[in-house]
Amino acid sequence: MFAVLKTGGKQYKVQSGDVLRVEKLAAEAGETVQFNEILMLGGDTPSVGSPMITGAAVQATVIDQIKGEKLIHYVKRRRKHSSQRKKGHRQQLTLVRITDILASGAEASGVKAAVGAGSAPAAAAAPAAKAAAPKAKAAPKAAAAAGADDLKQLSGVGPALEKKLLEAGVTSFAQIAAWGPEDIAEFDEKLSFKGRIEREGWVEQAKTLAQG
C-alpha cells in the first residue's frame, strides 16, 4: 500500500519503510509525527481525495534535523555601473522514516501532527496579545479625561497642552489653584514652560474657575 501526501508545499509518494527528506518540521529526533494531508491511497482499492481523504494519514518517525545541499545563487547586472553577487544557501530539512499508513481513524490516533517549523500556533497568538496591550493601557487615561475639568479654559492652553497636563496628572482647576512656588517651578521644568504659568496667571484663573 502506498500514499501520496502533501507537506511543505510539495507532494510525496511513500510507503512503509521509506526514508524521506521534507521541509523542516517542528519536531525533535525520535518523535512520531502524523501527516494528515493525504491526496491518494494506493493498493487493492485505490482512493483519491477531493482534494484530501478524510480520516487518512501517514505516520513517521523523525530521524534527524538536517541541511540540504548547498545552492549557489548568482546575479550579474550588465549596466553602466555593473554589479555581481554570489550567495550560498542550504535549506533546513527534516529526515523521517515512514512507519504506518492509515486509511481511516487518523483523528483518534493521538499522534502529533506534522507541522512546519515556521507555522507554530504560538507564533500566531503573540501578535494578538501585543495588539491587546495598548488598549489596556489607554483605558486609565480615557477614564481620567472623562472626569477632568476643561483645562483649555486657561489662557494659552490648547488641546495639545491640555493633553500634556492630563498625562502629568493635572485634571482639575482646584489642583492648579493650590499650586505654590515649588509646584509652579516643577511644572515649568516638566513641561518646558519657562515662566509661562506665572505670565499667563494660571493659578489666579484656576481659583476663579474652580469656584464656578
N, C-alpha and C. Protein backbone atom coordinates (compact mmCIF):
# COMPACT_ATOMS: atom_id res chain seq x y z
N MET A 1 0.84 -1.19 0.00
CA MET A 1 0.00 0.00 0.00
C MET A 1 0.88 1.25 0.00
N PHE A 2 0.50 2.23 -0.80
CA PHE A 2 1.26 3.48 -0.83
C PHE A 2 0.29 4.65 -0.63
N ALA A 3 0.88 5.82 -0.36
CA ALA A 3 0.08 7.03 -0.17
C ALA A 3 0.80 8.20 -0.83
N VAL A 4 0.00 9.17 -1.24
CA VAL A 4 0.56 10.42 -1.73
C VAL A 4 0.19 11.50 -0.71
N LEU A 5 1.20 12.04 -0.05
CA LEU A 5 0.96 13.05 0.99
C LEU A 5 1.47 14.41 0.55
N LYS A 6 0.99 15.44 1.24
CA LYS A 6 1.41 16.81 0.94
C LYS A 6 1.97 17.44 2.20
N THR A 7 3.16 18.04 2.09
CA THR A 7 3.77 18.76 3.21
C THR A 7 4.77 19.76 2.65
N GLY A 8 4.83 20.94 3.27
CA GLY A 8 5.78 21.96 2.83
C GLY A 8 5.56 22.41 1.40
N GLY A 9 4.30 22.30 0.90
CA GLY A 9 4.00 22.72 -0.46
C GLY A 9 4.42 21.72 -1.52
N LYS A 10 4.85 20.54 -1.12
CA LYS A 10 5.28 19.50 -2.07
C LYS A 10 4.49 18.22 -1.85
N GLN A 11 4.47 17.35 -2.85
CA GLN A 11 3.78 16.07 -2.76
C GLN A 11 4.79 14.93 -2.83
N TYR A 12 4.55 13.90 -2.03
CA TYR A 12 5.47 12.75 -1.97
C TYR A 12 4.68 11.45 -2.04
N LYS A 13 5.16 10.52 -2.84
CA LYS A 13 4.59 9.17 -2.88
C LYS A 13 5.42 8.30 -1.94
N VAL A 14 4.80 7.72 -0.93
CA VAL A 14 5.53 6.98 0.10
C VAL A 14 4.85 5.65 0.40
N GLN A 15 5.64 4.77 0.99
CA GLN A 15 5.11 3.52 1.55
C GLN A 15 5.90 3.18 2.80
N SER A 16 5.41 2.26 3.58
CA SER A 16 6.04 1.94 4.86
C SER A 16 7.51 1.57 4.68
N GLY A 17 8.38 2.17 5.51
CA GLY A 17 9.81 1.90 5.46
C GLY A 17 10.60 2.93 4.69
N ASP A 18 9.93 3.78 3.89
CA ASP A 18 10.65 4.79 3.11
C ASP A 18 11.27 5.85 4.02
N VAL A 19 12.45 6.33 3.62
CA VAL A 19 13.09 7.45 4.31
C VAL A 19 12.92 8.67 3.42
N LEU A 20 12.45 9.75 4.03
CA LEU A 20 12.02 10.92 3.27
C LEU A 20 12.65 12.18 3.83
N ARG A 21 13.04 13.11 2.95
CA ARG A 21 13.51 14.43 3.36
C ARG A 21 12.40 15.43 3.04
N VAL A 22 11.91 16.12 4.07
CA VAL A 22 10.82 17.08 3.88
C VAL A 22 11.22 18.44 4.44
N GLU A 23 10.43 19.47 4.12
CA GLU A 23 10.67 20.79 4.70
C GLU A 23 10.67 20.68 6.23
N LYS A 24 11.50 21.49 6.89
CA LYS A 24 11.71 21.36 8.33
C LYS A 24 10.41 21.33 9.11
N LEU A 25 10.29 20.33 10.01
CA LEU A 25 9.13 20.17 10.87
C LEU A 25 9.45 20.60 12.30
N ALA A 26 8.43 21.01 13.04
CA ALA A 26 8.59 21.38 14.45
C ALA A 26 8.54 20.10 15.28
N ALA A 27 9.62 19.33 15.27
CA ALA A 27 9.68 18.06 16.00
C ALA A 27 11.13 17.70 16.26
N GLU A 28 11.35 16.94 17.34
CA GLU A 28 12.70 16.51 17.71
C GLU A 28 12.97 15.10 17.19
N ALA A 29 14.25 14.76 17.08
CA ALA A 29 14.64 13.41 16.66
C ALA A 29 14.06 12.37 17.62
N GLY A 30 13.47 11.32 17.07
CA GLY A 30 12.87 10.26 17.88
C GLY A 30 11.37 10.41 18.04
N GLU A 31 10.82 11.58 17.77
CA GLU A 31 9.38 11.80 17.89
C GLU A 31 8.64 11.14 16.72
N THR A 32 7.38 10.78 16.98
CA THR A 32 6.50 10.28 15.93
C THR A 32 5.55 11.38 15.53
N VAL A 33 5.44 11.62 14.23
CA VAL A 33 4.56 12.66 13.71
C VAL A 33 3.59 12.06 12.71
N GLN A 34 2.53 12.79 12.43
CA GLN A 34 1.49 12.28 11.54
C GLN A 34 1.17 13.33 10.46
N PHE A 35 1.27 12.92 9.21
CA PHE A 35 0.91 13.76 8.07
C PHE A 35 -0.56 13.53 7.76
N ASN A 36 -1.35 14.59 7.87
CA ASN A 36 -2.80 14.44 7.71
C ASN A 36 -3.33 14.87 6.35
N GLU A 37 -2.48 15.49 5.54
CA GLU A 37 -2.91 15.89 4.19
C GLU A 37 -2.58 14.79 3.20
N ILE A 38 -3.53 13.88 3.01
CA ILE A 38 -3.33 12.72 2.13
C ILE A 38 -4.18 12.90 0.88
N LEU A 39 -3.50 12.91 -0.27
CA LEU A 39 -4.17 13.14 -1.55
C LEU A 39 -4.67 11.85 -2.18
N MET A 40 -3.96 10.75 -1.91
CA MET A 40 -4.31 9.48 -2.56
C MET A 40 -3.81 8.30 -1.75
N LEU A 41 -4.56 7.23 -1.76
CA LEU A 41 -4.14 5.95 -1.19
C LEU A 41 -4.17 4.92 -2.31
N GLY A 42 -3.07 4.16 -2.45
CA GLY A 42 -2.98 3.14 -3.50
C GLY A 42 -2.95 1.76 -2.89
N GLY A 43 -3.24 0.77 -3.71
CA GLY A 43 -3.25 -0.61 -3.24
C GLY A 43 -4.34 -1.39 -3.95
N ASP A 44 -4.94 -2.35 -3.25
CA ASP A 44 -6.00 -3.16 -3.86
C ASP A 44 -7.23 -2.32 -4.18
N THR A 45 -7.54 -1.35 -3.30
CA THR A 45 -8.70 -0.47 -3.54
C THR A 45 -8.22 0.98 -3.47
N PRO A 46 -7.72 1.50 -4.59
CA PRO A 46 -7.21 2.88 -4.60
C PRO A 46 -8.30 3.89 -4.24
N SER A 47 -7.86 4.97 -3.60
CA SER A 47 -8.79 6.02 -3.21
C SER A 47 -8.14 7.38 -3.49
N VAL A 48 -8.91 8.26 -4.13
CA VAL A 48 -8.39 9.59 -4.46
C VAL A 48 -9.22 10.63 -3.71
N GLY A 49 -8.55 11.57 -3.06
CA GLY A 49 -9.23 12.59 -2.27
C GLY A 49 -9.78 13.72 -3.13
N SER A 50 -10.63 14.54 -2.50
CA SER A 50 -11.20 15.68 -3.24
C SER A 50 -11.20 16.95 -2.37
N PRO A 51 -10.09 17.59 -2.09
CA PRO A 51 -8.74 17.17 -2.52
C PRO A 51 -8.07 16.20 -1.56
N MET A 52 -8.50 16.16 -0.26
CA MET A 52 -7.86 15.28 0.72
C MET A 52 -8.80 14.12 1.07
N ILE A 53 -8.23 13.06 1.56
CA ILE A 53 -9.01 11.91 2.01
C ILE A 53 -9.26 12.05 3.50
N THR A 54 -10.53 12.17 3.86
CA THR A 54 -10.90 12.36 5.27
C THR A 54 -10.56 11.12 6.09
N GLY A 55 -9.87 11.33 7.21
CA GLY A 55 -9.55 10.23 8.12
C GLY A 55 -8.27 9.50 7.80
N ALA A 56 -7.67 9.77 6.64
CA ALA A 56 -6.42 9.08 6.26
C ALA A 56 -5.22 9.86 6.77
N ALA A 57 -4.12 9.14 7.00
CA ALA A 57 -2.90 9.79 7.49
C ALA A 57 -1.70 8.89 7.24
N VAL A 58 -0.54 9.51 7.32
CA VAL A 58 0.73 8.77 7.23
C VAL A 58 1.53 9.11 8.47
N GLN A 59 1.98 8.10 9.19
CA GLN A 59 2.78 8.31 10.39
C GLN A 59 4.24 8.04 10.10
N ALA A 60 5.11 8.82 10.75
CA ALA A 60 6.55 8.68 10.52
C ALA A 60 7.32 9.01 11.78
N THR A 61 8.55 8.48 11.86
CA THR A 61 9.45 8.77 12.98
C THR A 61 10.51 9.74 12.50
N VAL A 62 10.74 10.80 13.27
CA VAL A 62 11.76 11.79 12.92
C VAL A 62 13.14 11.20 13.21
N ILE A 63 13.97 11.15 12.18
CA ILE A 63 15.33 10.61 12.34
C ILE A 63 16.29 11.72 12.76
N ASP A 64 16.24 12.86 12.07
CA ASP A 64 17.18 13.94 12.38
C ASP A 64 16.75 15.22 11.68
N GLN A 65 17.26 16.35 12.18
CA GLN A 65 17.12 17.64 11.51
C GLN A 65 18.41 17.88 10.73
N ILE A 66 18.31 18.07 9.42
CA ILE A 66 19.50 18.16 8.58
C ILE A 66 19.42 19.41 7.68
N LYS A 67 20.48 19.60 6.89
CA LYS A 67 20.51 20.66 5.89
C LYS A 67 20.72 20.04 4.51
N GLY A 68 20.08 20.62 3.51
CA GLY A 68 20.22 20.12 2.15
C GLY A 68 21.54 20.54 1.53
N GLU A 69 21.71 20.17 0.26
CA GLU A 69 22.92 20.54 -0.46
C GLU A 69 23.02 22.05 -0.62
N LYS A 70 24.22 22.55 -0.73
CA LYS A 70 24.43 23.98 -0.88
C LYS A 70 24.02 24.43 -2.28
N LEU A 71 23.16 25.44 -2.33
CA LEU A 71 22.72 26.01 -3.60
C LEU A 71 23.36 27.37 -3.78
N ILE A 72 23.85 27.63 -4.99
CA ILE A 72 24.53 28.89 -5.29
C ILE A 72 23.58 29.78 -6.08
N HIS A 73 23.41 31.00 -5.57
CA HIS A 73 22.57 32.00 -6.24
C HIS A 73 23.49 33.09 -6.76
N TYR A 74 23.53 33.25 -8.09
CA TYR A 74 24.46 34.20 -8.70
C TYR A 74 23.68 35.21 -9.54
N VAL A 75 23.93 36.49 -9.31
CA VAL A 75 23.26 37.55 -10.06
C VAL A 75 24.32 38.48 -10.64
N LYS A 76 24.19 38.75 -11.94
CA LYS A 76 25.11 39.70 -12.59
C LYS A 76 24.28 40.69 -13.40
N ARG A 77 24.52 41.96 -13.19
CA ARG A 77 23.81 43.02 -13.91
C ARG A 77 24.79 43.75 -14.83
N ARG A 78 24.49 43.74 -16.13
CA ARG A 78 25.34 44.45 -17.10
C ARG A 78 24.73 45.81 -17.37
N ARG A 79 25.20 46.79 -16.68
CA ARG A 79 24.73 48.16 -16.84
C ARG A 79 25.94 49.09 -16.85
N LYS A 80 25.67 50.36 -16.84
CA LYS A 80 26.78 51.32 -16.81
C LYS A 80 27.63 51.10 -15.57
N HIS A 81 26.94 50.87 -14.43
CA HIS A 81 27.65 50.52 -13.20
C HIS A 81 27.33 49.06 -12.91
N SER A 82 28.01 48.16 -13.55
CA SER A 82 27.70 46.73 -13.44
C SER A 82 27.96 46.23 -12.02
N SER A 83 27.23 45.20 -11.66
CA SER A 83 27.40 44.60 -10.33
C SER A 83 27.19 43.10 -10.43
N GLN A 84 27.73 42.39 -9.48
CA GLN A 84 27.52 40.95 -9.41
C GLN A 84 27.49 40.51 -7.96
N ARG A 85 26.74 39.44 -7.72
CA ARG A 85 26.58 38.95 -6.35
C ARG A 85 26.47 37.43 -6.37
N LYS A 86 27.17 36.79 -5.46
CA LYS A 86 27.14 35.34 -5.35
C LYS A 86 26.83 34.97 -3.92
N LYS A 87 25.80 34.16 -3.74
CA LYS A 87 25.34 33.84 -2.39
C LYS A 87 24.99 32.36 -2.31
N GLY A 88 25.38 31.72 -1.21
CA GLY A 88 25.09 30.29 -1.00
C GLY A 88 23.96 30.11 0.01
N HIS A 89 23.25 28.99 -0.11
CA HIS A 89 22.13 28.72 0.80
C HIS A 89 21.97 27.21 0.95
N ARG A 90 21.69 26.79 2.22
CA ARG A 90 21.39 25.38 2.49
C ARG A 90 20.04 25.29 3.18
N GLN A 91 19.09 24.63 2.54
CA GLN A 91 17.74 24.52 3.06
C GLN A 91 17.70 23.62 4.29
N GLN A 92 16.96 24.02 5.32
CA GLN A 92 16.78 23.19 6.50
C GLN A 92 15.70 22.15 6.23
N LEU A 93 16.03 20.90 6.51
CA LEU A 93 15.14 19.78 6.21
C LEU A 93 14.98 18.88 7.43
N THR A 94 13.98 18.02 7.38
CA THR A 94 13.78 17.01 8.42
C THR A 94 13.79 15.64 7.75
N LEU A 95 14.58 14.73 8.31
CA LEU A 95 14.67 13.36 7.78
C LEU A 95 13.73 12.47 8.58
N VAL A 96 12.78 11.82 7.89
CA VAL A 96 11.79 10.98 8.57
C VAL A 96 11.73 9.60 7.93
N ARG A 97 11.30 8.63 8.72
CA ARG A 97 11.07 7.26 8.20
C ARG A 97 9.59 6.93 8.32
N ILE A 98 8.96 6.57 7.23
CA ILE A 98 7.54 6.24 7.21
C ILE A 98 7.32 4.92 7.97
N THR A 99 6.41 4.95 8.93
CA THR A 99 6.16 3.75 9.74
C THR A 99 4.80 3.12 9.49
N ASP A 100 3.80 3.95 9.16
CA ASP A 100 2.45 3.39 9.01
C ASP A 100 1.60 4.28 8.11
N ILE A 101 0.68 3.65 7.39
CA ILE A 101 -0.27 4.36 6.55
C ILE A 101 -1.67 4.00 7.02
N LEU A 102 -2.41 5.01 7.44
CA LEU A 102 -3.76 4.79 7.96
C LEU A 102 -4.78 5.18 6.91
N ALA A 103 -5.70 4.25 6.58
CA ALA A 103 -6.76 4.56 5.63
C ALA A 103 -7.91 5.30 6.31
N SER A 104 -8.02 5.16 7.64
CA SER A 104 -9.09 5.83 8.40
C SER A 104 -8.68 5.90 9.87
N GLY A 105 -9.44 6.69 10.64
CA GLY A 105 -9.20 6.78 12.07
C GLY A 105 -8.04 7.66 12.48
N ALA A 106 -7.58 8.54 11.60
CA ALA A 106 -6.43 9.39 11.93
C ALA A 106 -6.73 10.34 13.08
N GLU A 107 -8.00 10.78 13.19
CA GLU A 107 -8.36 11.74 14.23
C GLU A 107 -8.17 11.18 15.63
N ALA A 108 -8.35 9.86 15.78
CA ALA A 108 -8.28 9.22 17.10
C ALA A 108 -6.92 8.60 17.39
N SER A 109 -5.94 8.82 16.53
CA SER A 109 -4.64 8.16 16.72
C SER A 109 -3.86 8.76 17.89
N GLY A 110 -4.06 10.04 18.19
CA GLY A 110 -3.34 10.69 19.28
C GLY A 110 -1.91 11.04 18.96
N VAL A 111 -1.50 10.91 17.70
CA VAL A 111 -0.13 11.22 17.30
C VAL A 111 -0.03 12.69 16.90
N LYS A 112 1.08 13.33 17.28
CA LYS A 112 1.31 14.75 16.98
C LYS A 112 1.31 15.00 15.48
N ALA A 113 0.60 16.05 15.06
CA ALA A 113 0.54 16.40 13.65
C ALA A 113 1.89 16.96 13.18
N ALA A 114 2.24 16.64 11.95
CA ALA A 114 3.49 17.13 11.36
C ALA A 114 3.28 18.57 10.90
N VAL A 115 3.80 19.52 11.68
CA VAL A 115 3.62 20.95 11.41
C VAL A 115 4.96 21.56 11.05
N GLY A 116 4.96 22.44 10.04
CA GLY A 116 6.19 23.12 9.64
C GLY A 116 6.75 23.95 10.77
N ALA A 117 8.08 24.05 10.85
CA ALA A 117 8.73 24.77 11.94
C ALA A 117 8.39 26.25 11.93
N GLY A 118 8.01 26.80 10.78
CA GLY A 118 7.70 28.22 10.69
C GLY A 118 6.25 28.56 10.92
N SER A 119 5.41 27.58 11.29
CA SER A 119 3.97 27.83 11.45
C SER A 119 3.46 27.29 12.77
N ALA A 120 4.25 27.48 13.85
CA ALA A 120 3.81 27.03 15.17
C ALA A 120 2.65 27.87 15.64
N PRO A 121 1.64 27.28 16.32
CA PRO A 121 0.47 28.04 16.77
C PRO A 121 0.81 29.20 17.67
N ALA A 122 1.89 29.10 18.49
CA ALA A 122 2.24 30.18 19.42
C ALA A 122 2.62 31.45 18.69
N ALA A 123 3.19 31.31 17.48
CA ALA A 123 3.60 32.49 16.73
C ALA A 123 2.42 33.34 16.32
N ALA A 124 1.27 32.70 16.04
CA ALA A 124 0.08 33.45 15.64
C ALA A 124 -0.58 34.11 16.84
N ALA A 125 -0.42 33.53 18.04
CA ALA A 125 -1.08 34.09 19.22
C ALA A 125 -0.36 35.32 19.75
N ALA A 126 0.99 35.41 19.52
CA ALA A 126 1.77 36.52 20.07
C ALA A 126 1.32 37.89 19.58
N PRO A 127 1.12 38.10 18.23
CA PRO A 127 0.70 39.42 17.80
C PRO A 127 -0.63 39.86 18.39
N ALA A 128 -1.56 38.89 18.59
CA ALA A 128 -2.87 39.24 19.16
C ALA A 128 -2.71 39.76 20.58
N ALA A 129 -1.79 39.15 21.37
CA ALA A 129 -1.57 39.60 22.74
C ALA A 129 -0.95 40.99 22.76
N LYS A 130 -0.02 41.26 21.82
CA LYS A 130 0.61 42.58 21.76
C LYS A 130 -0.41 43.65 21.36
N ALA A 131 -1.31 43.29 20.43
CA ALA A 131 -2.30 44.26 19.98
C ALA A 131 -3.27 44.63 21.09
N ALA A 132 -3.54 43.70 22.02
CA ALA A 132 -4.48 43.97 23.11
C ALA A 132 -3.86 44.84 24.20
N ALA A 133 -2.51 44.83 24.33
CA ALA A 133 -1.85 45.57 25.41
C ALA A 133 -2.08 47.07 25.36
N PRO A 134 -1.93 47.75 24.18
CA PRO A 134 -2.13 49.20 24.18
C PRO A 134 -3.53 49.61 24.62
N LYS A 135 -4.56 48.83 24.31
CA LYS A 135 -5.92 49.16 24.70
C LYS A 135 -6.05 49.16 26.21
N ALA A 136 -5.39 48.18 26.86
CA ALA A 136 -5.47 48.10 28.32
C ALA A 136 -4.81 49.32 28.97
N LYS A 137 -3.69 49.80 28.38
CA LYS A 137 -3.00 50.96 28.93
C LYS A 137 -3.80 52.24 28.69
N ALA A 138 -4.52 52.32 27.58
CA ALA A 138 -5.24 53.54 27.23
C ALA A 138 -6.47 53.76 28.11
N ALA A 139 -7.00 52.70 28.72
CA ALA A 139 -8.23 52.81 29.49
C ALA A 139 -8.13 53.80 30.65
N PRO A 140 -7.04 53.78 31.51
CA PRO A 140 -6.96 54.73 32.61
C PRO A 140 -6.95 56.18 32.15
N LYS A 141 -6.25 56.49 31.02
CA LYS A 141 -6.20 57.86 30.51
C LYS A 141 -7.60 58.32 30.11
N ALA A 142 -8.34 57.41 29.43
CA ALA A 142 -9.68 57.77 29.00
C ALA A 142 -10.57 58.03 30.20
N ALA A 143 -10.41 57.23 31.25
CA ALA A 143 -11.22 57.40 32.45
C ALA A 143 -10.89 58.71 33.14
N ALA A 144 -9.56 59.07 33.18
CA ALA A 144 -9.15 60.31 33.83
C ALA A 144 -9.68 61.51 33.08
N ALA A 145 -9.61 61.46 31.72
CA ALA A 145 -10.06 62.58 30.91
C ALA A 145 -11.57 62.77 31.03
N ALA A 146 -12.31 61.68 31.25
CA ALA A 146 -13.76 61.77 31.29
C ALA A 146 -14.24 62.62 32.46
N GLY A 147 -13.56 62.57 33.62
CA GLY A 147 -13.99 63.34 34.79
C GLY A 147 -13.18 64.59 35.02
N ALA A 148 -12.38 65.02 34.04
CA ALA A 148 -11.49 66.16 34.22
C ALA A 148 -12.19 67.46 33.86
N ASP A 149 -11.67 68.57 34.44
CA ASP A 149 -12.15 69.90 34.06
C ASP A 149 -11.66 70.24 32.66
N ASP A 150 -12.33 71.20 32.04
CA ASP A 150 -11.90 71.65 30.72
C ASP A 150 -10.73 72.63 30.88
N LEU A 151 -9.52 72.08 30.90
CA LEU A 151 -8.33 72.90 31.15
C LEU A 151 -8.05 73.90 30.03
N LYS A 152 -8.71 73.73 28.91
CA LYS A 152 -8.50 74.66 27.79
C LYS A 152 -9.07 76.05 28.09
N GLN A 153 -9.82 76.17 29.19
CA GLN A 153 -10.34 77.49 29.60
C GLN A 153 -9.23 78.39 30.15
N LEU A 154 -8.10 77.78 30.51
CA LEU A 154 -6.96 78.57 30.98
C LEU A 154 -6.31 79.28 29.81
N SER A 155 -5.80 80.46 30.03
CA SER A 155 -5.16 81.25 28.99
C SER A 155 -3.95 80.51 28.41
N GLY A 156 -3.92 80.39 27.07
CA GLY A 156 -2.79 79.77 26.40
C GLY A 156 -2.81 78.25 26.37
N VAL A 157 -3.86 77.61 26.88
CA VAL A 157 -3.93 76.14 26.89
C VAL A 157 -4.81 75.67 25.74
N GLY A 158 -4.20 74.91 24.83
CA GLY A 158 -4.93 74.31 23.73
C GLY A 158 -5.04 72.80 23.92
N PRO A 159 -5.56 72.08 22.92
CA PRO A 159 -5.71 70.62 23.05
C PRO A 159 -4.40 69.89 23.35
N ALA A 160 -3.31 70.30 22.68
CA ALA A 160 -2.03 69.61 22.89
C ALA A 160 -1.51 69.83 24.30
N LEU A 161 -1.61 71.07 24.79
CA LEU A 161 -1.12 71.37 26.13
C LEU A 161 -2.02 70.73 27.20
N GLU A 162 -3.32 70.69 26.93
CA GLU A 162 -4.23 70.04 27.86
C GLU A 162 -3.88 68.56 27.99
N LYS A 163 -3.54 67.93 26.86
CA LYS A 163 -3.16 66.51 26.88
C LYS A 163 -1.93 66.29 27.75
N LYS A 164 -0.93 67.19 27.64
CA LYS A 164 0.28 67.06 28.45
C LYS A 164 -0.04 67.19 29.93
N LEU A 165 -0.92 68.11 30.27
CA LEU A 165 -1.30 68.30 31.68
C LEU A 165 -2.02 67.07 32.22
N LEU A 166 -2.92 66.52 31.43
CA LEU A 166 -3.64 65.31 31.86
C LEU A 166 -2.68 64.15 32.07
N GLU A 167 -1.71 64.01 31.15
CA GLU A 167 -0.71 62.95 31.28
C GLU A 167 0.15 63.14 32.52
N ALA A 168 0.33 64.41 32.93
CA ALA A 168 1.13 64.71 34.13
C ALA A 168 0.30 64.57 35.41
N GLY A 169 -0.99 64.23 35.26
CA GLY A 169 -1.84 64.01 36.43
C GLY A 169 -2.63 65.23 36.86
N VAL A 170 -2.57 66.31 36.09
CA VAL A 170 -3.33 67.52 36.41
C VAL A 170 -4.67 67.44 35.69
N THR A 171 -5.76 67.28 36.45
CA THR A 171 -7.08 67.07 35.84
C THR A 171 -8.12 68.10 36.27
N SER A 172 -7.80 68.97 37.24
CA SER A 172 -8.83 69.90 37.73
C SER A 172 -8.24 71.28 38.00
N PHE A 173 -9.15 72.30 37.98
CA PHE A 173 -8.74 73.66 38.31
C PHE A 173 -8.29 73.77 39.76
N ALA A 174 -8.91 72.96 40.64
CA ALA A 174 -8.57 73.00 42.06
C ALA A 174 -7.10 72.65 42.29
N GLN A 175 -6.59 71.69 41.50
CA GLN A 175 -5.18 71.31 41.65
C GLN A 175 -4.27 72.49 41.32
N ILE A 176 -4.56 73.15 40.20
CA ILE A 176 -3.72 74.28 39.77
C ILE A 176 -3.85 75.44 40.75
N ALA A 177 -5.09 75.68 41.28
CA ALA A 177 -5.32 76.77 42.23
C ALA A 177 -4.50 76.58 43.51
N ALA A 178 -4.17 75.35 43.85
CA ALA A 178 -3.42 75.07 45.08
C ALA A 178 -1.92 75.07 44.87
N TRP A 179 -1.44 75.32 43.65
CA TRP A 179 -0.01 75.31 43.39
C TRP A 179 0.70 76.44 44.14
N GLY A 180 1.86 76.11 44.71
CA GLY A 180 2.73 77.10 45.31
C GLY A 180 3.92 77.33 44.41
N PRO A 181 4.89 78.15 44.85
CA PRO A 181 6.08 78.44 44.04
C PRO A 181 6.83 77.18 43.60
N GLU A 182 6.94 76.19 44.50
CA GLU A 182 7.66 74.96 44.15
C GLU A 182 6.93 74.17 43.07
N ASP A 183 5.59 74.11 43.18
CA ASP A 183 4.80 73.39 42.18
C ASP A 183 4.92 74.07 40.82
N ILE A 184 4.85 75.41 40.83
CA ILE A 184 4.96 76.15 39.57
C ILE A 184 6.32 75.89 38.92
N ALA A 185 7.38 75.92 39.74
CA ALA A 185 8.73 75.68 39.21
C ALA A 185 8.84 74.26 38.65
N GLU A 186 8.22 73.31 39.37
CA GLU A 186 8.28 71.91 38.93
C GLU A 186 7.62 71.73 37.56
N PHE A 187 6.41 72.31 37.39
CA PHE A 187 5.71 72.14 36.12
C PHE A 187 6.31 73.00 35.01
N ASP A 188 6.92 74.14 35.37
CA ASP A 188 7.67 74.90 34.38
C ASP A 188 8.77 74.05 33.77
N GLU A 189 9.47 73.30 34.65
CA GLU A 189 10.57 72.44 34.20
C GLU A 189 10.05 71.21 33.46
N LYS A 190 9.01 70.60 34.03
CA LYS A 190 8.48 69.35 33.47
C LYS A 190 7.89 69.56 32.07
N LEU A 191 7.19 70.69 31.88
CA LEU A 191 6.52 70.94 30.61
C LEU A 191 7.24 71.97 29.74
N SER A 192 8.46 72.36 30.16
CA SER A 192 9.29 73.32 29.41
C SER A 192 8.55 74.64 29.17
N PHE A 193 7.91 75.19 30.23
CA PHE A 193 7.12 76.41 30.10
C PHE A 193 7.96 77.67 30.27
N LYS A 194 9.05 77.60 31.07
CA LYS A 194 9.96 78.73 31.29
C LYS A 194 9.22 80.00 31.73
N GLY A 195 8.50 79.91 32.86
CA GLY A 195 7.83 81.07 33.43
C GLY A 195 6.46 81.36 32.86
N ARG A 196 5.98 80.54 31.98
CA ARG A 196 4.71 80.82 31.31
C ARG A 196 3.51 80.75 32.28
N ILE A 197 3.61 79.86 33.26
CA ILE A 197 2.49 79.69 34.20
C ILE A 197 2.20 81.00 34.93
N GLU A 198 3.27 81.67 35.40
CA GLU A 198 3.07 82.95 36.10
C GLU A 198 2.67 84.06 35.14
N ARG A 199 3.26 84.07 33.93
CA ARG A 199 2.93 85.11 32.96
C ARG A 199 1.46 85.06 32.55
N GLU A 200 0.95 83.84 32.37
CA GLU A 200 -0.44 83.67 31.95
C GLU A 200 -1.41 83.78 33.12
N GLY A 201 -0.89 83.70 34.36
CA GLY A 201 -1.75 83.80 35.53
C GLY A 201 -2.67 82.60 35.72
N TRP A 202 -2.12 81.41 35.52
CA TRP A 202 -2.94 80.19 35.62
C TRP A 202 -3.54 80.00 37.02
N VAL A 203 -2.72 80.28 38.05
CA VAL A 203 -3.19 80.00 39.44
C VAL A 203 -4.42 80.85 39.75
N GLU A 204 -4.35 82.15 39.42
CA GLU A 204 -5.48 83.04 39.67
C GLU A 204 -6.69 82.64 38.85
N GLN A 205 -6.47 82.32 37.57
CA GLN A 205 -7.57 81.89 36.72
C GLN A 205 -8.20 80.60 37.24
N ALA A 206 -7.36 79.66 37.69
CA ALA A 206 -7.86 78.38 38.20
C ALA A 206 -8.69 78.57 39.45
N LYS A 207 -8.30 79.53 40.31
CA LYS A 207 -9.08 79.79 41.53
C LYS A 207 -10.48 80.28 41.16
N THR A 208 -10.55 81.17 40.20
CA THR A 208 -11.85 81.71 39.76
C THR A 208 -12.71 80.61 39.13
N LEU A 209 -12.09 79.82 38.24
CA LEU A 209 -12.82 78.76 37.53
C LEU A 209 -13.25 77.65 38.49
N ALA A 210 -12.43 77.37 39.51
CA ALA A 210 -12.77 76.31 40.47
C ALA A 210 -13.97 76.68 41.32
N GLN A 211 -14.17 77.99 41.53
CA GLN A 211 -15.31 78.44 42.34
C GLN A 211 -16.62 78.44 41.54
N GLY A 212 -16.49 78.21 40.25
CA GLY A 212 -17.70 78.03 39.47
C GLY A 212 -18.00 79.08 38.49
